[in-house]
Amino acid sequence: MKILRATHLGMCFGVRDAIALALSRSKQQPVTVLGDLVHNETVLRSLRQQGVKLSTRLPA
């Protein structure tokens, strides 16, 4: 059996668009995303560094 490993893993269009929207809106005003847009800590860290706040619960 031959196992092929992908050299690049992409995202579905919806996730890609949601990340782009969060980033563009965060440049205009503070943005908080409820839940993870993607289950990839590298991407989530990048979002945080660019000003997107991530939360697992609604603000009080």
C-alpha atoms as a PDB file:
ATOM      1  CA  MET A   1       0.000   0.000   0.000  1.00  0.00           C
ATOM      2  CA  LYS A   2       1.334   3.426  -0.947  1.00  0.00           C
ATOM      3  CA  ILE A   3       0.362   6.368   1.256  1.00  0.00           C
ATOM      4  CA  LEU A   4       0.375   9.831  -0.264  1.00  0.00           C
ATOM      5  CA  ARG A   5       0.579  12.804   2.011  1.00  0.00           C
ATOM      6  CA  ALA A   6      -0.748  16.149   0.841  1.00  0.00           C
ATOM      7  CA  THR A   7       1.800  18.929   0.616  1.00  0.00           C
ATOM      8  CA  HIS A   8      -0.869  21.599   1.053  1.00  0.00           C
ATOM      9  CA  LEU A   9      -4.148  21.457   2.907  1.00  0.00           C
ATOM     10  CA  GLY A  10      -6.723  24.045   1.990  1.00  0.00           C
ATOM     11  CA  MET A  11      -9.957  25.310   3.458  1.00  0.00           C
ATOM     12  CA  CYS A  12     -13.476  25.188   2.147  1.00  0.00           C
ATOM     13  CA  PHE A  13     -14.776  28.371   0.512  1.00  0.00           C
ATOM     14  CA  GLY A  14     -17.021  29.204   3.463  1.00  0.00           C
ATOM     15  CA  VAL A  15     -14.199  29.085   5.999  1.00  0.00           C
ATOM     16  CA  ARG A  16     -11.882  31.050   3.738  1.00  0.00           C
ATOM     17  CA  ASP A  17     -14.560  33.711   3.190  1.00  0.00           C
ATOM     18  CA  ALA A  18     -15.386  33.914   6.914  1.00  0.00           C
ATOM     19  CA  ILE A  19     -11.719  34.456   7.784  1.00  0.00           C
ATOM     20  CA  ALA A  20     -11.379  37.139   5.095  1.00  0.00           C
ATOM     21  CA  LEU A  21     -14.525  38.887   6.364  1.00  0.00           C
ATOM     22  CA  ALA A  22     -13.343  38.830   9.980  1.00  0.00           C
ATOM     23  CA  LEU A  23      -9.984  40.279   8.984  1.00  0.00           C
ATOM     24  CA  SER A  24     -11.445  43.025   6.800  1.00  0.00           C
ATOM     25  CA  ARG A  25     -14.014  44.047   9.435  1.00  0.00           C
ATOM     26  CA  SER A  26     -11.397  44.028  12.214  1.00  0.00           C
ATOM     27  CA  LYS A  27      -9.547  46.777  10.350  1.00  0.00           C
ATOM     28  CA  GLN A  28     -12.684  48.978  10.559  1.00  0.00           C
ATOM     29  CA  GLN A  29     -13.897  48.194  14.076  1.00  0.00           C
ATOM     30  CA  PRO A  30     -13.361  45.675  16.888  1.00  0.00           C
ATOM     31  CA  VAL A  31     -14.604  42.198  15.943  1.00  0.00           C
ATOM     32  CA  THR A  32     -15.326  39.251  18.209  1.00  0.00           C
ATOM     33  CA  VAL A  33     -15.988  35.839  16.678  1.00  0.00           C
ATOM     34  CA  LEU A  34     -18.105  33.427  18.693  1.00  0.00           C
ATOM     35  CA  GLY A  35     -16.522  29.994  18.378  1.00  0.00           C
ATOM     36  CA  ASP A  36     -13.708  28.855  16.114  1.00  0.00           C
ATOM     37  CA  LEU A  37     -13.791  29.690  12.439  1.00  0.00           C
ATOM     38  CA  VAL A  38     -11.354  26.852  11.863  1.00  0.00           C
ATOM     39  CA  HIS A  39      -9.768  24.146  14.014  1.00  0.00           C
ATOM     40  CA  ASN A  40      -6.220  25.239  13.239  1.00  0.00           C
ATOM     41  CA  GLU A  41      -4.299  26.937  16.031  1.00  0.00           C
ATOM     42  CA  THR A  42      -1.859  28.576  13.606  1.00  0.00           C
ATOM     43  CA  VAL A  43      -4.712  30.306  11.772  1.00  0.00           C
ATOM     44  CA  LEU A  44      -6.438  31.252  15.037  1.00  0.00           C
ATOM     45  CA  ARG A  45      -3.199  32.717  16.392  1.00  0.00           C
ATOM     46  CA  SER A  46      -2.814  34.755  13.211  1.00  0.00           C
ATOM     47  CA  LEU A  47      -6.371  36.072  13.565  1.00  0.00           C
ATOM     48  CA  ARG A  48      -5.689  37.108  17.165  1.00  0.00           C
ATOM     49  CA  GLN A  49      -2.454  38.851  16.154  1.00  0.00           C
ATOM     50  CA  GLN A  50      -4.390  40.823  13.553  1.00  0.00           C
ATOM     51  CA  GLY A  51      -6.936  42.070  16.081  1.00  0.00           C
ATOM     52  CA  VAL A  52      -9.746  39.537  15.815  1.00  0.00           C
ATOM     53  CA  LYS A  53     -11.004  38.490  19.245  1.00  0.00           C
ATOM     54  CA  LEU A  54     -12.156  34.887  19.633  1.00  0.00           C
ATOM     55  CA  SER A  55     -14.657  33.885  22.290  1.00  0.00           C
ATOM     56  CA  THR A  56     -16.402  30.673  23.283  1.00  0.00           C
ATOM     57  CA  ARG A  57     -19.271  32.455  25.000  1.00  0.00           C
ATOM     58  CA  LEU A  58     -21.519  35.452  24.503  1.00  0.00           C
ATOM     59  CA  PRO A  59     -20.482  38.665  26.249  1.00  0.00           C
ATOM     60  CA  ALA A  60     -22.412  39.454  29.448  1.00  0.00           C
END
